[in-house]
């Protein structure tokens, strides 16, 4: 059940086409900070982020 939900989420995320975004100008430390923020934040907080 959890695996099916995870696969569904992965499909939904991949639909955004984020693999096409060039992140090379963003420093690695900044990407790590943003990833950590995204993992630890509630959806509503992320939606309100600039």
Protein backbone atom coordinates (compact mmCIF):
# COMPACT_ATOMS: atom_id res chain seq x y z
CA UNK A 1 0.00 0.00 0.00
CA UNK A 2 2.73 2.50 0.95
CA UNK A 3 4.72 1.57 -2.15
CA UNK A 4 1.71 2.21 -4.38
CA UNK A 5 1.22 5.66 -2.80
CA UNK A 6 4.91 6.46 -3.26
CA UNK A 7 4.77 5.44 -6.92
CA UNK A 8 1.66 7.58 -7.45
CA UNK A 9 3.42 10.58 -5.87
CA UNK A 10 6.48 10.02 -8.06
CA UNK A 11 4.26 9.99 -11.16
CA UNK A 12 2.53 13.20 -10.09
CA UNK A 13 5.84 14.94 -9.42
CA UNK A 14 7.36 13.81 -12.71
CA UNK A 15 4.36 15.32 -14.53
CA UNK A 16 5.75 18.77 -13.62
CA UNK A 17 8.72 18.18 -15.91
CA UNK A 18 11.24 19.45 -13.37
CA UNK A 19 14.02 17.40 -14.92
CA UNK A 20 14.10 20.05 -17.64
CA UNK A 21 14.99 22.85 -15.23
CA UNK A 22 18.66 23.82 -15.36
CA UNK A 23 19.80 24.02 -11.74
CA UNK A 24 23.51 24.23 -12.49
CA UNK A 25 23.71 27.95 -11.56
CA UNK A 26 22.32 27.20 -8.08
CA UNK A 27 24.99 26.37 -5.50
CA UNK A 28 24.85 22.80 -4.15
CA UNK A 29 24.52 24.00 -0.56
CA UNK A 30 21.48 26.09 -1.52
CA UNK A 31 19.86 23.13 -3.27
CA UNK A 32 20.44 20.98 -0.19
CA UNK A 33 18.89 23.64 2.03
CA UNK A 34 15.85 23.94 -0.23
CA UNK A 35 15.45 20.15 -0.37
CA UNK A 36 15.63 19.90 3.42
CA UNK A 37 13.09 22.72 3.75
CA UNK A 38 10.75 20.95 1.34
CA UNK A 39 11.00 17.65 3.16
CA UNK A 40 10.37 19.13 6.60
CA UNK A 41 7.68 21.69 5.75
CA UNK A 42 3.94 21.35 5.51
CA UNK A 43 2.35 21.69 2.08
CA UNK A 44 0.58 24.90 3.10
CA UNK A 45 3.88 26.49 4.12
CA UNK A 46 5.50 25.59 0.80
CA UNK A 47 2.50 26.89 -1.14
CA UNK A 48 2.88 30.31 0.54
CA UNK A 49 6.64 30.49 -0.06
CA UNK A 50 7.85 33.10 -2.56
